[in-house]
C-alpha cells in the first residue's frame, strides 16, 4: 500500500517562501514610500519640513543651497522630559524665558551626515536689551541687515536677530543661527543664513503674538 506523508510538498514550500519574500518586499516598499526610516528615529525631511515647517519658499531654497541637498534630518530621540528632540514651535515659544537647557532648538543635519555637526542650529532667548546697529563698530566679515531692532551675519557661520517681542518682563527676543563651517556648501552666502533665521523668527513672533512689533520682513534685503 502507498503511504501518505504529512510533510509539505516541494511546491508548497516554494509557494510559502515566495509569499514570505513578497511580503517582506511590500513592507520595505511601504516604509520607503512613507519617507521615514524603519525605526522612525531618523526620518528624512525636506527643507520645507524642518524646524516645524517654519521655512518659507526663499528660506527652504537657501537651506537647500547651504546643504547642497533637499534631504535633511533633525535630532532623533527624546529629551529628559520625554519630549521629542525634533523642534517644536510651541515649545520654543514657551521656553524663550527659560535657561539654555530648557530652550527648544532647531538642529538640522543633512540626511547623510555622520559628523554630528549641524548644518544649522536655531535658538531663541528673551532679552532685556538689544544692541544698537553701528556698522563702524562691527568686526570684519559682519554684515548688518535692516531687520528687527538689530540683525547681522558673521561671515557664513552665524546670524543674529534681535526683535521686539515682550515676554514676561523682557522686551526683546534674540534669535540666533549657527552653521558648522564643515557642513555648508561653497555656494552658501551670508544672505542664506539670514533668510533662514528670519523665516523661523517670523513664525515664532506669530506664535508669541508679537508680529506687529517684531518688524521681521517677508523678504530679506540688505
N, C-alpha and C. Protein backbone atom coordinates (compact mmCIF):
# COMPACT_ATOMS: atom_id res chain seq x y z
N UNK A 1 0.85 -1.20 0.00
CA UNK A 1 0.00 0.00 0.00
C UNK A 1 0.88 1.25 0.00
N UNK A 2 0.46 2.25 -0.78
CA UNK A 2 1.23 3.51 -0.85
C UNK A 2 0.94 4.36 0.39
N UNK A 3 2.00 4.80 1.05
CA UNK A 3 1.83 5.59 2.26
C UNK A 3 1.81 7.08 1.93
N UNK A 4 0.97 7.79 2.68
CA UNK A 4 0.93 9.25 2.51
C UNK A 4 1.84 9.91 3.53
N UNK A 5 2.25 11.08 3.25
CA UNK A 5 3.18 11.80 4.15
C UNK A 5 2.56 13.10 4.61
N UNK A 6 2.82 13.50 5.87
CA UNK A 6 2.35 14.78 6.41
C UNK A 6 3.28 15.92 6.08
N UNK A 7 4.44 15.61 5.46
CA UNK A 7 5.41 16.66 5.13
C UNK A 7 4.89 17.48 3.96
N UNK A 8 5.15 18.84 3.94
CA UNK A 8 4.70 19.67 2.82
C UNK A 8 5.44 19.31 1.54
N UNK A 9 4.77 19.45 0.44
CA UNK A 9 5.40 19.17 -0.84
C UNK A 9 6.39 20.27 -1.18
N UNK A 10 7.27 19.98 -2.14
CA UNK A 10 8.24 20.98 -2.59
C UNK A 10 7.55 22.20 -3.15
N UNK A 11 6.43 21.99 -3.86
CA UNK A 11 5.69 23.12 -4.43
C UNK A 11 5.13 24.01 -3.35
N UNK A 12 4.61 23.38 -2.27
CA UNK A 12 4.04 24.16 -1.17
C UNK A 12 5.12 24.99 -0.50
N UNK A 13 6.31 24.37 -0.33
CA UNK A 13 7.42 25.10 0.30
C UNK A 13 7.80 26.29 -0.55
N UNK A 14 7.88 26.11 -1.87
CA UNK A 14 8.27 27.19 -2.77
C UNK A 14 7.26 28.32 -2.72
N UNK A 15 5.95 27.95 -2.70
CA UNK A 15 4.92 28.98 -2.64
C UNK A 15 4.98 29.76 -1.32
N UNK A 16 5.24 29.05 -0.23
CA UNK A 16 5.33 29.71 1.07
C UNK A 16 6.51 30.66 1.11
N UNK A 17 7.64 30.21 0.56
CA UNK A 17 8.84 31.06 0.56
C UNK A 17 8.62 32.30 -0.29
N UNK A 18 7.99 32.10 -1.46
CA UNK A 18 7.72 33.23 -2.34
C UNK A 18 6.80 34.23 -1.66
N UNK A 19 5.78 33.73 -0.96
CA UNK A 19 4.83 34.60 -0.27
C UNK A 19 5.54 35.41 0.80
N UNK A 20 6.47 34.75 1.50
CA UNK A 20 7.21 35.44 2.56
C UNK A 20 8.08 36.55 2.00
N UNK A 21 8.76 36.25 0.87
CA UNK A 21 9.64 37.24 0.23
C UNK A 21 8.83 38.44 -0.26
N UNK A 22 7.70 38.15 -0.92
CA UNK A 22 6.86 39.24 -1.44
C UNK A 22 6.33 40.10 -0.31
N UNK A 23 5.99 39.49 0.81
CA UNK A 23 5.50 40.25 1.96
C UNK A 23 6.57 41.17 2.50
N UNK A 24 7.81 40.68 2.55
CA UNK A 24 8.92 41.49 3.04
C UNK A 24 9.18 42.66 2.11
N UNK A 25 9.13 42.39 0.79
CA UNK A 25 9.36 43.45 -0.19
C UNK A 25 8.30 44.53 -0.08
N UNK A 26 7.04 44.10 0.10
CA UNK A 26 5.94 45.06 0.23
C UNK A 26 6.12 45.92 1.46
N UNK A 27 6.55 45.32 2.57
CA UNK A 27 6.76 46.08 3.80
C UNK A 27 7.83 47.13 3.63
N UNK A 28 8.96 46.73 2.98
CA UNK A 28 10.06 47.67 2.74
C UNK A 28 9.60 48.79 1.84
N UNK A 29 8.83 48.45 0.79
CA UNK A 29 8.37 49.45 -0.16
C UNK A 29 7.47 50.47 0.52
N UNK A 30 6.55 50.00 1.36
CA UNK A 30 5.66 50.92 2.06
C UNK A 30 6.43 51.82 3.00
N UNK A 31 7.46 51.24 3.65
CA UNK A 31 8.28 52.05 4.55
C UNK A 31 9.01 53.13 3.78
N UNK A 32 9.54 52.76 2.60
CA UNK A 32 10.27 53.74 1.78
C UNK A 32 9.35 54.83 1.31
N UNK A 33 8.11 54.48 0.94
CA UNK A 33 7.17 55.47 0.46
C UNK A 33 6.75 56.44 1.54
N UNK A 34 6.83 56.01 2.79
CA UNK A 34 6.43 56.89 3.89
C UNK A 34 7.44 57.98 4.14
N UNK A 35 8.68 57.81 3.60
CA UNK A 35 9.71 58.83 3.77
C UNK A 35 10.38 58.77 5.12
N UNK A 36 10.18 57.66 5.86
CA UNK A 36 10.77 57.53 7.17
C UNK A 36 11.57 56.25 7.25
N UNK A 37 12.55 56.23 8.18
CA UNK A 37 13.32 55.03 8.40
C UNK A 37 12.47 54.04 9.16
N UNK A 38 12.92 52.80 9.22
CA UNK A 38 12.11 51.78 9.83
C UNK A 38 11.81 52.03 11.30
N UNK A 39 12.75 52.62 12.05
CA UNK A 39 12.51 52.81 13.48
C UNK A 39 11.89 54.15 13.78
N UNK A 40 11.69 55.00 12.77
CA UNK A 40 11.05 56.29 12.99
C UNK A 40 11.92 57.30 13.69
N UNK A 41 13.16 56.92 14.02
CA UNK A 41 14.03 57.80 14.78
C UNK A 41 14.80 58.77 13.90
N UNK A 42 14.94 58.44 12.63
CA UNK A 42 15.83 59.22 11.77
C UNK A 42 15.11 59.56 10.48
N UNK A 43 13.92 60.16 10.58
CA UNK A 43 13.10 60.45 9.42
C UNK A 43 13.81 61.44 8.50
N UNK A 44 13.71 61.20 7.19
CA UNK A 44 14.25 62.13 6.22
C UNK A 44 13.22 63.22 5.95
N UNK A 45 13.66 64.47 6.03
CA UNK A 45 12.77 65.62 5.88
C UNK A 45 13.20 66.47 4.70
N UNK A 46 12.26 67.16 4.09
CA UNK A 46 12.59 68.16 3.07
C UNK A 46 12.90 69.48 3.77
N UNK A 47 13.42 70.44 3.01
CA UNK A 47 13.72 71.75 3.58
C UNK A 47 12.46 72.42 4.12
N UNK A 48 11.34 72.19 3.46
CA UNK A 48 10.09 72.81 3.89
C UNK A 48 9.53 72.18 5.17
N UNK A 49 10.03 71.00 5.56
CA UNK A 49 9.51 70.30 6.73
C UNK A 49 10.31 70.55 8.00
N UNK A 50 11.57 70.95 7.87
CA UNK A 50 12.40 71.10 9.07
C UNK A 50 11.92 72.28 9.92
N UNK A 51 12.39 72.30 11.16
CA UNK A 51 12.06 73.40 12.09
C UNK A 51 10.55 73.61 12.20
N UNK A 52 9.82 72.50 12.31
CA UNK A 52 8.36 72.55 12.46
C UNK A 52 7.70 73.27 11.29
N UNK A 53 8.24 73.05 10.08
CA UNK A 53 7.68 73.60 8.84
C UNK A 53 7.60 75.12 8.87
N UNK A 54 8.63 75.78 9.42
CA UNK A 54 8.62 77.24 9.52
C UNK A 54 9.40 77.94 8.40
N UNK A 55 10.01 77.18 7.50
CA UNK A 55 10.76 77.80 6.42
C UNK A 55 9.84 78.09 5.24
N UNK A 56 9.78 79.36 4.83
CA UNK A 56 9.01 79.71 3.64
C UNK A 56 9.82 79.33 2.41
N UNK A 57 9.29 79.61 1.22
CA UNK A 57 9.96 79.17 -0.01
C UNK A 57 11.38 79.70 -0.17
N UNK A 58 11.63 81.02 0.04
CA UNK A 58 13.01 81.51 -0.07
C UNK A 58 13.94 80.87 0.97
N UNK A 59 13.44 80.66 2.19
CA UNK A 59 14.27 80.05 3.23
C UNK A 59 14.58 78.60 2.91
N UNK A 60 13.59 77.88 2.39
CA UNK A 60 13.82 76.49 2.00
C UNK A 60 14.87 76.41 0.89
N UNK A 61 14.80 77.34 -0.06
CA UNK A 61 15.79 77.38 -1.15
C UNK A 61 17.18 77.67 -0.59
N UNK A 62 17.27 78.55 0.38
CA UNK A 62 18.56 78.87 1.00
C UNK A 62 19.13 77.67 1.73
N UNK A 63 18.29 76.94 2.46
CA UNK A 63 18.77 75.77 3.18
C UNK A 63 19.27 74.70 2.22
N UNK A 64 18.55 74.50 1.12
CA UNK A 64 18.98 73.52 0.13
C UNK A 64 20.32 73.92 -0.48
N UNK A 65 20.52 75.22 -0.70
CA UNK A 65 21.80 75.68 -1.23
C UNK A 65 22.91 75.47 -0.20
N UNK A 66 22.62 75.75 1.05
CA UNK A 66 23.62 75.57 2.10
C UNK A 66 24.07 74.13 2.24
N UNK A 67 23.11 73.20 2.15
CA UNK A 67 23.45 71.80 2.33
C UNK A 67 23.70 71.05 1.04
N UNK A 68 23.46 71.71 -0.11
CA UNK A 68 23.60 71.07 -1.42
C UNK A 68 22.76 69.80 -1.49
N UNK A 69 21.58 69.85 -0.88
CA UNK A 69 20.68 68.71 -0.88
C UNK A 69 19.28 69.18 -0.48
N UNK A 70 18.30 68.31 -0.69
CA UNK A 70 16.95 68.58 -0.19
C UNK A 70 16.53 67.45 0.75
N UNK A 71 17.50 66.79 1.34
CA UNK A 71 17.22 65.72 2.29
C UNK A 71 17.93 66.03 3.60
N UNK A 72 17.14 66.17 4.66
CA UNK A 72 17.68 66.59 5.95
C UNK A 72 17.13 65.70 7.07
N UNK A 73 17.67 65.90 8.24
CA UNK A 73 17.16 65.22 9.44
C UNK A 73 17.38 66.13 10.65
N UNK A 74 16.57 65.92 11.66
CA UNK A 74 16.73 66.63 12.93
C UNK A 74 17.19 65.65 14.00
N UNK A 75 17.42 66.16 15.21
CA UNK A 75 17.85 65.29 16.29
C UNK A 75 16.80 64.22 16.57
N UNK A 76 17.21 62.96 16.64
CA UNK A 76 16.26 61.90 16.96
C UNK A 76 16.07 61.77 18.48
N UNK A 77 15.18 60.90 18.87
CA UNK A 77 15.02 60.60 20.29
C UNK A 77 14.22 61.63 21.05
N UNK A 78 14.31 61.55 22.38
CA UNK A 78 13.57 62.44 23.25
C UNK A 78 14.50 63.08 24.28
N UNK A 79 14.02 64.18 24.88
CA UNK A 79 14.81 64.84 25.92
C UNK A 79 14.48 64.25 27.29
N UNK A 80 15.01 64.87 28.35
CA UNK A 80 14.82 64.33 29.69
C UNK A 80 13.36 64.36 30.12
N UNK A 81 12.58 65.25 29.51
CA UNK A 81 11.16 65.35 29.84
C UNK A 81 10.32 64.37 29.03
N UNK A 82 10.98 63.59 28.16
CA UNK A 82 10.26 62.64 27.33
C UNK A 82 9.66 63.25 26.08
N UNK A 83 10.03 64.51 25.78
CA UNK A 83 9.52 65.18 24.59
C UNK A 83 10.47 64.94 23.42
N UNK A 84 9.97 64.90 22.20
CA UNK A 84 10.84 64.68 21.03
C UNK A 84 11.90 65.77 20.91
N UNK A 85 13.11 65.37 20.54
CA UNK A 85 14.17 66.36 20.30
C UNK A 85 13.91 67.18 19.06
N UNK A 86 13.08 66.66 18.17
CA UNK A 86 12.74 67.41 16.96
C UNK A 86 12.05 68.72 17.36
N UNK A 87 12.40 69.79 16.68
CA UNK A 87 11.96 71.14 17.05
C UNK A 87 10.45 71.30 17.06
N UNK A 88 9.96 72.03 18.07
CA UNK A 88 8.55 72.36 18.18
C UNK A 88 8.43 73.87 18.36
N UNK A 89 7.67 74.52 17.49
CA UNK A 89 7.49 75.97 17.58
C UNK A 89 6.81 76.34 18.90
N UNK A 90 5.85 75.55 19.29
CA UNK A 90 5.12 75.81 20.54
C UNK A 90 6.06 75.73 21.74
N UNK A 91 6.91 74.70 21.79
CA UNK A 91 7.86 74.57 22.90
C UNK A 91 8.89 75.68 22.88
N UNK A 92 9.30 76.11 21.68
CA UNK A 92 10.27 77.20 21.57
C UNK A 92 9.69 78.48 22.13
N UNK A 93 8.41 78.74 21.85
CA UNK A 93 7.76 79.94 22.36
C UNK A 93 7.64 79.89 23.88
N UNK A 94 7.34 78.72 24.39
CA UNK A 94 7.21 78.55 25.84
C UNK A 94 8.55 78.70 26.54
N UNK A 95 9.64 78.31 25.87
CA UNK A 95 10.95 78.26 26.52
C UNK A 95 11.83 79.48 26.35
N UNK A 96 11.36 80.55 25.69
CA UNK A 96 12.24 81.70 25.46
C UNK A 96 12.71 82.35 26.76
N UNK A 97 11.95 82.23 27.82
CA UNK A 97 12.33 82.82 29.10
C UNK A 97 13.05 81.84 30.02
N UNK A 98 13.31 80.64 29.52
CA UNK A 98 13.98 79.62 30.32
C UNK A 98 15.48 79.63 30.06
N UNK A 99 16.19 78.82 30.80
CA UNK A 99 17.63 78.69 30.61
C UNK A 99 17.94 77.88 29.37
N UNK A 100 19.21 77.85 28.95
CA UNK A 100 19.59 77.14 27.73
C UNK A 100 19.16 75.68 27.70
N UNK A 101 19.19 75.03 28.84
CA UNK A 101 18.85 73.60 28.89
C UNK A 101 17.37 73.36 28.59
N UNK A 102 16.53 74.35 28.90
CA UNK A 102 15.09 74.19 28.70
C UNK A 102 14.61 74.75 27.36
N UNK A 103 15.47 75.45 26.65
CA UNK A 103 15.06 76.06 25.38
C UNK A 103 15.03 75.04 24.26
N UNK A 104 14.05 75.16 23.40
CA UNK A 104 13.90 74.24 22.28
C UNK A 104 14.69 74.78 21.08
N UNK A 105 15.60 74.00 20.56
CA UNK A 105 16.43 74.41 19.43
C UNK A 105 16.08 73.59 18.20
N UNK A 106 16.21 74.24 17.06
CA UNK A 106 16.05 73.51 15.80
C UNK A 106 17.44 73.15 15.27
N UNK A 107 17.79 71.89 15.37
CA UNK A 107 19.10 71.41 14.94
C UNK A 107 18.91 70.53 13.72
N UNK A 108 19.47 70.97 12.60
CA UNK A 108 19.25 70.29 11.32
C UNK A 108 20.58 69.81 10.75
N UNK A 109 20.57 68.58 10.27
CA UNK A 109 21.73 67.98 9.60
C UNK A 109 21.32 67.56 8.19
N UNK A 110 22.29 67.41 7.32
CA UNK A 110 21.99 66.77 6.04
C UNK A 110 21.69 65.31 6.34
N UNK A 111 20.88 64.66 5.51
CA UNK A 111 20.41 63.31 5.81
C UNK A 111 21.54 62.29 5.90
N UNK A 112 22.67 62.55 5.24
CA UNK A 112 23.78 61.59 5.23
C UNK A 112 24.88 61.94 6.23
N UNK A 113 24.67 62.99 7.01
CA UNK A 113 25.72 63.43 7.94
C UNK A 113 25.98 62.41 9.03
N UNK A 114 27.25 62.16 9.31
CA UNK A 114 27.64 61.28 10.41
C UNK A 114 28.59 61.99 11.37
N UNK A 115 28.85 63.26 11.13
CA UNK A 115 29.80 64.00 11.96
C UNK A 115 29.17 64.54 13.24
N UNK A 116 27.86 64.74 13.21
CA UNK A 116 27.21 65.35 14.37
C UNK A 116 27.30 66.86 14.37
N UNK A 117 27.87 67.45 13.30
CA UNK A 117 27.97 68.90 13.18
C UNK A 117 26.74 69.42 12.45
N UNK A 118 26.02 70.38 13.02
CA UNK A 118 24.77 70.82 12.40
C UNK A 118 24.97 71.71 11.18
N UNK A 119 24.10 71.52 10.19
CA UNK A 119 24.06 72.46 9.08
C UNK A 119 23.53 73.79 9.60
N UNK A 120 22.48 73.71 10.42
CA UNK A 120 22.00 74.90 11.13
C UNK A 120 21.54 74.49 12.53
N UNK A 121 21.71 75.41 13.47
CA UNK A 121 21.12 75.27 14.80
C UNK A 121 20.52 76.62 15.16
N UNK A 122 19.21 76.65 15.35
CA UNK A 122 18.49 77.89 15.62
C UNK A 122 17.95 77.86 17.05
N UNK A 123 18.15 78.97 17.77
CA UNK A 123 17.64 79.06 19.14
C UNK A 123 17.11 80.46 19.41
N UNK A 124 16.28 80.57 20.45
CA UNK A 124 15.65 81.84 20.81
C UNK A 124 15.75 82.07 22.31
N UNK A 125 16.11 83.30 22.68
CA UNK A 125 16.24 83.66 24.09
C UNK A 125 15.66 85.04 24.32
N UNK A 126 14.85 85.20 25.36
CA UNK A 126 14.32 86.52 25.71
C UNK A 126 15.43 87.36 26.33
N UNK A 127 15.46 88.64 25.97
CA UNK A 127 16.50 89.55 26.45
C UNK A 127 15.87 90.86 26.92
N UNK A 128 16.55 91.52 27.86
CA UNK A 128 16.06 92.82 28.33
C UNK A 128 16.56 93.98 27.51
N UNK A 129 17.65 93.76 26.76
CA UNK A 129 18.25 94.83 25.97
C UNK A 129 18.65 94.30 24.60
N UNK A 130 18.79 95.20 23.65
CA UNK A 130 19.23 94.84 22.29
C UNK A 130 20.35 95.76 21.86
N UNK A 131 21.29 95.28 21.06
CA UNK A 131 22.39 96.12 20.57
C UNK A 131 21.85 97.21 19.64
N UNK A 132 22.64 98.24 19.47
CA UNK A 132 22.32 99.31 18.52
C UNK A 132 23.17 99.13 17.27
N UNK A 133 22.56 99.09 16.10
CA UNK A 133 23.35 98.90 14.87
C UNK A 133 24.37 100.02 14.67
N UNK A 134 25.60 99.64 14.42
CA UNK A 134 26.67 100.60 14.17
C UNK A 134 27.71 99.91 13.29
N UNK A 135 27.62 100.16 12.01
CA UNK A 135 28.50 99.48 11.05
C UNK A 135 29.97 99.71 11.35
N UNK A 136 30.31 100.88 11.85
CA UNK A 136 31.72 101.20 12.12
C UNK A 136 32.28 100.38 13.28
N UNK A 137 31.39 99.84 14.11
CA UNK A 137 31.84 99.08 15.28
C UNK A 137 31.85 97.57 15.04
N UNK A 138 31.35 97.18 13.89
CA UNK A 138 31.27 95.74 13.61
C UNK A 138 32.61 95.20 13.12
N UNK A 139 32.96 93.98 13.50
CA UNK A 139 34.21 93.37 13.04
C UNK A 139 34.15 93.03 11.55
N UNK A 140 35.31 92.82 10.97
CA UNK A 140 35.38 92.45 9.56
C UNK A 140 34.63 91.14 9.32
N UNK A 141 33.90 91.08 8.23
CA UNK A 141 33.14 89.88 7.91
C UNK A 141 31.70 89.93 8.36
N UNK A 142 31.36 90.93 9.17
CA UNK A 142 29.97 91.07 9.63
C UNK A 142 29.17 91.91 8.65
N UNK A 143 27.91 91.57 8.47
CA UNK A 143 27.01 92.31 7.59
C UNK A 143 25.74 92.63 8.37
N UNK A 144 25.38 93.91 8.45
CA UNK A 144 24.16 94.32 9.12
C UNK A 144 22.97 94.27 8.17
N UNK A 145 21.80 93.96 8.71
CA UNK A 145 20.57 93.88 7.92
C UNK A 145 19.50 94.75 8.58
N UNK A 146 18.64 95.39 7.79
CA UNK A 146 17.54 96.20 8.34
C UNK A 146 16.36 95.34 8.76
N UNK A 147 16.58 94.53 9.77
CA UNK A 147 15.58 93.58 10.24
C UNK A 147 15.45 93.70 11.75
N UNK A 148 14.21 93.75 12.25
CA UNK A 148 14.01 93.85 13.68
C UNK A 148 14.68 95.08 14.26
N UNK A 149 15.21 94.95 15.46
CA UNK A 149 15.94 96.04 16.11
C UNK A 149 17.41 95.99 15.73
N UNK A 150 17.92 94.79 15.57
CA UNK A 150 19.34 94.59 15.24
C UNK A 150 19.48 93.23 14.58
N UNK A 151 20.18 93.18 13.46
CA UNK A 151 20.39 91.91 12.77
C UNK A 151 21.72 91.93 12.04
N UNK A 152 22.44 90.84 12.12
CA UNK A 152 23.72 90.75 11.40
C UNK A 152 24.10 89.30 11.16
N UNK A 153 24.96 89.10 10.19
CA UNK A 153 25.59 87.81 9.96
C UNK A 153 27.08 87.96 10.22
N UNK A 154 27.70 86.87 10.63
CA UNK A 154 29.14 86.84 10.84
C UNK A 154 29.71 85.83 9.85
N UNK A 155 30.25 86.37 8.74
CA UNK A 155 30.74 85.51 7.65
C UNK A 155 29.62 84.56 7.23
N UNK A 156 29.92 83.27 7.10
CA UNK A 156 28.90 82.29 6.72
C UNK A 156 28.64 81.31 7.87
N UNK A 157 29.03 81.73 9.09
CA UNK A 157 28.96 80.82 10.22
C UNK A 157 27.80 81.08 11.17
N UNK A 158 27.33 82.34 11.24
CA UNK A 158 26.28 82.62 12.22
C UNK A 158 25.45 83.83 11.79
N UNK A 159 24.26 83.90 12.36
CA UNK A 159 23.37 85.03 12.12
C UNK A 159 22.63 85.33 13.42
N UNK A 160 22.31 86.61 13.61
CA UNK A 160 21.63 87.05 14.83
C UNK A 160 20.55 88.06 14.48
N UNK A 161 19.40 87.93 15.12
CA UNK A 161 18.32 88.92 15.00
C UNK A 161 17.79 89.22 16.40
N UNK A 162 17.74 90.50 16.76
CA UNK A 162 17.01 90.93 17.95
C UNK A 162 15.72 91.58 17.45
N UNK A 163 14.59 91.11 17.95
CA UNK A 163 13.34 91.75 17.57
C UNK A 163 12.49 92.03 18.80
N UNK A 164 11.70 93.09 18.69
CA UNK A 164 10.86 93.49 19.82
C UNK A 164 9.71 92.50 19.99
N UNK A 165 9.62 91.94 21.19
CA UNK A 165 8.58 90.94 21.48
C UNK A 165 8.52 90.74 22.99
N UNK A 166 7.68 91.52 23.67
CA UNK A 166 7.61 91.42 25.13
C UNK A 166 7.21 90.02 25.60
N UNK A 167 8.01 89.45 26.47
CA UNK A 167 7.69 88.16 27.10
C UNK A 167 7.98 88.31 28.58
N UNK A 168 6.95 88.17 29.40
CA UNK A 168 7.07 88.40 30.84
C UNK A 168 7.58 89.83 31.05
N UNK A 169 8.76 90.00 31.67
CA UNK A 169 9.25 91.35 31.92
C UNK A 169 10.41 91.73 31.00
N UNK A 170 10.60 90.99 29.91
CA UNK A 170 11.69 91.26 28.96
C UNK A 170 11.10 91.73 27.63
N UNK A 171 11.81 92.65 26.97
CA UNK A 171 11.25 93.34 25.80
C UNK A 171 11.65 92.76 24.45
N UNK A 172 12.69 91.96 24.41
CA UNK A 172 13.22 91.50 23.12
C UNK A 172 13.41 89.99 23.09
N UNK A 173 13.47 89.46 21.88
CA UNK A 173 13.86 88.08 21.66
C UNK A 173 15.11 88.07 20.80
N UNK A 174 16.11 87.33 21.23
CA UNK A 174 17.34 87.18 20.49
C UNK A 174 17.29 85.86 19.74
N UNK A 175 17.21 85.94 18.42
CA UNK A 175 17.21 84.74 17.57
C UNK A 175 18.62 84.53 17.04
N UNK A 176 19.12 83.33 17.15
CA UNK A 176 20.48 83.07 16.67
C UNK A 176 20.54 81.81 15.84
N UNK A 177 21.42 81.82 14.87
CA UNK A 177 21.62 80.66 14.00
C UNK A 177 23.11 80.40 13.90
N UNK A 178 23.49 79.15 14.12
CA UNK A 178 24.89 78.73 13.94
C UNK A 178 24.95 77.68 12.85
N UNK A 179 25.98 77.77 12.01
CA UNK A 179 26.18 76.79 10.94
C UNK A 179 27.62 76.31 10.98
N UNK A 180 27.81 75.01 11.15
CA UNK A 180 29.16 74.46 11.22
C UNK A 180 29.89 74.67 9.89
N UNK A 181 31.08 75.25 9.93
CA UNK A 181 31.81 75.57 8.68
C UNK A 181 32.05 74.36 7.79
N UNK A 182 32.18 73.17 8.38
CA UNK A 182 32.48 71.99 7.56
C UNK A 182 31.23 71.35 6.95
N UNK A 183 30.07 71.98 7.17
CA UNK A 183 28.83 71.41 6.66
C UNK A 183 28.22 72.21 5.49
N UNK A 184 28.60 73.45 5.35
CA UNK A 184 27.99 74.29 4.31
C UNK A 184 28.69 74.12 2.97
N UNK A 185 27.91 74.23 1.91
CA UNK A 185 28.46 74.11 0.57
C UNK A 185 29.18 75.42 0.19
N UNK A 186 30.07 75.36 -0.80
CA UNK A 186 30.78 76.57 -1.24
C UNK A 186 29.84 77.65 -1.77
N UNK A 187 28.64 77.28 -2.16
CA UNK A 187 27.69 78.25 -2.71
C UNK A 187 26.93 79.03 -1.62
N UNK A 188 27.14 78.68 -0.38
CA UNK A 188 26.46 79.35 0.72
C UNK A 188 26.85 80.82 0.81
N UNK A 189 25.88 81.69 1.08
CA UNK A 189 26.14 83.11 1.28
C UNK A 189 25.65 83.50 2.67
N UNK A 190 26.13 84.64 3.17
CA UNK A 190 25.64 85.13 4.45
C UNK A 190 24.14 85.44 4.37
N UNK A 191 23.70 85.84 3.19
CA UNK A 191 22.29 86.13 2.98
C UNK A 191 21.42 84.89 3.21
N UNK A 192 21.93 83.71 2.84
CA UNK A 192 21.19 82.47 3.07
C UNK A 192 20.91 82.27 4.56
N UNK A 193 21.92 82.51 5.39
CA UNK A 193 21.74 82.33 6.84
C UNK A 193 20.66 83.27 7.37
N UNK A 194 20.69 84.52 6.92
CA UNK A 194 19.72 85.49 7.41
C UNK A 194 18.31 85.17 6.92
N UNK A 195 18.19 84.70 5.70
CA UNK A 195 16.87 84.35 5.16
C UNK A 195 16.26 83.21 5.98
N UNK A 196 17.05 82.20 6.30
CA UNK A 196 16.56 81.08 7.10
C UNK A 196 16.16 81.54 8.50
N UNK A 197 17.04 82.30 9.16
CA UNK A 197 16.75 82.74 10.53
C UNK A 197 15.54 83.66 10.57
N UNK A 198 15.41 84.54 9.60
CA UNK A 198 14.27 85.46 9.58
C UNK A 198 12.96 84.69 9.43
N UNK A 199 12.95 83.65 8.61
CA UNK A 199 11.73 82.89 8.38
C UNK A 199 11.28 82.18 9.66
N UNK A 200 12.20 81.53 10.35
CA UNK A 200 11.84 80.85 11.61
C UNK A 200 11.43 81.88 12.66
N UNK A 201 12.11 83.03 12.67
CA UNK A 201 11.79 84.08 13.64
C UNK A 201 10.39 84.64 13.41
N UNK A 202 10.00 84.80 12.16
CA UNK A 202 8.65 85.28 11.85
C UNK A 202 7.60 84.31 12.40
N UNK A 203 7.86 83.04 12.26
CA UNK A 203 6.92 82.03 12.77
C UNK A 203 6.85 82.09 14.29
N UNK A 204 8.00 82.29 14.95
CA UNK A 204 7.99 82.37 16.41
C UNK A 204 7.28 83.63 16.88
N UNK A 205 7.50 84.75 16.20
CA UNK A 205 6.83 86.00 16.56
C UNK A 205 5.32 85.84 16.46
N UNK A 206 4.86 85.15 15.44
CA UNK A 206 3.43 84.90 15.29
C UNK A 206 2.92 84.03 16.43
N UNK A 207 3.71 83.02 16.80
CA UNK A 207 3.32 82.15 17.90
C UNK A 207 3.23 82.91 19.21
N UNK A 208 4.11 83.89 19.39
CA UNK A 208 4.14 84.68 20.62
C UNK A 208 3.17 85.86 20.58
N UNK A 209 2.58 86.12 19.41
CA UNK A 209 1.61 87.21 19.29
C UNK A 209 2.23 88.59 19.20
N UNK A 210 3.45 88.68 18.66
CA UNK A 210 4.12 89.98 18.58
C UNK A 210 4.54 90.34 17.16
N UNK A 211 3.84 89.80 16.16
CA UNK A 211 4.20 90.05 14.76
C UNK A 211 4.26 91.53 14.43
N UNK A 212 3.29 92.29 14.90
CA UNK A 212 3.22 93.72 14.54
C UNK A 212 4.37 94.52 15.13
N UNK A 213 4.96 94.05 16.22
CA UNK A 213 6.07 94.78 16.85
C UNK A 213 7.43 94.29 16.39
N UNK A 214 7.48 93.07 15.89
CA UNK A 214 8.77 92.43 15.61
C UNK A 214 9.52 93.06 14.45
N UNK A 215 8.82 93.60 13.45
CA UNK A 215 9.46 94.21 12.29
C UNK A 215 10.36 93.21 11.55
N UNK A 216 9.79 92.03 11.30
CA UNK A 216 10.51 90.99 10.56
C UNK A 216 9.89 90.90 9.16
N UNK A 217 10.61 91.30 8.13
CA UNK A 217 10.04 91.40 6.79
C UNK A 217 9.79 90.05 6.13
N UNK A 218 8.86 90.04 5.19
CA UNK A 218 8.59 88.83 4.43
C UNK A 218 9.74 88.54 3.47
N UNK A 219 10.44 89.60 3.05
CA UNK A 219 11.57 89.43 2.13
C UNK A 219 12.80 90.09 2.73
N UNK A 220 13.89 89.38 2.77
CA UNK A 220 15.12 89.90 3.37
C UNK A 220 15.95 90.66 2.33
N UNK A 221 16.24 91.91 2.66
CA UNK A 221 17.13 92.73 1.83
C UNK A 221 18.24 93.28 2.70
N UNK A 222 19.32 93.71 2.08
CA UNK A 222 20.43 94.26 2.85
C UNK A 222 20.29 95.76 2.99
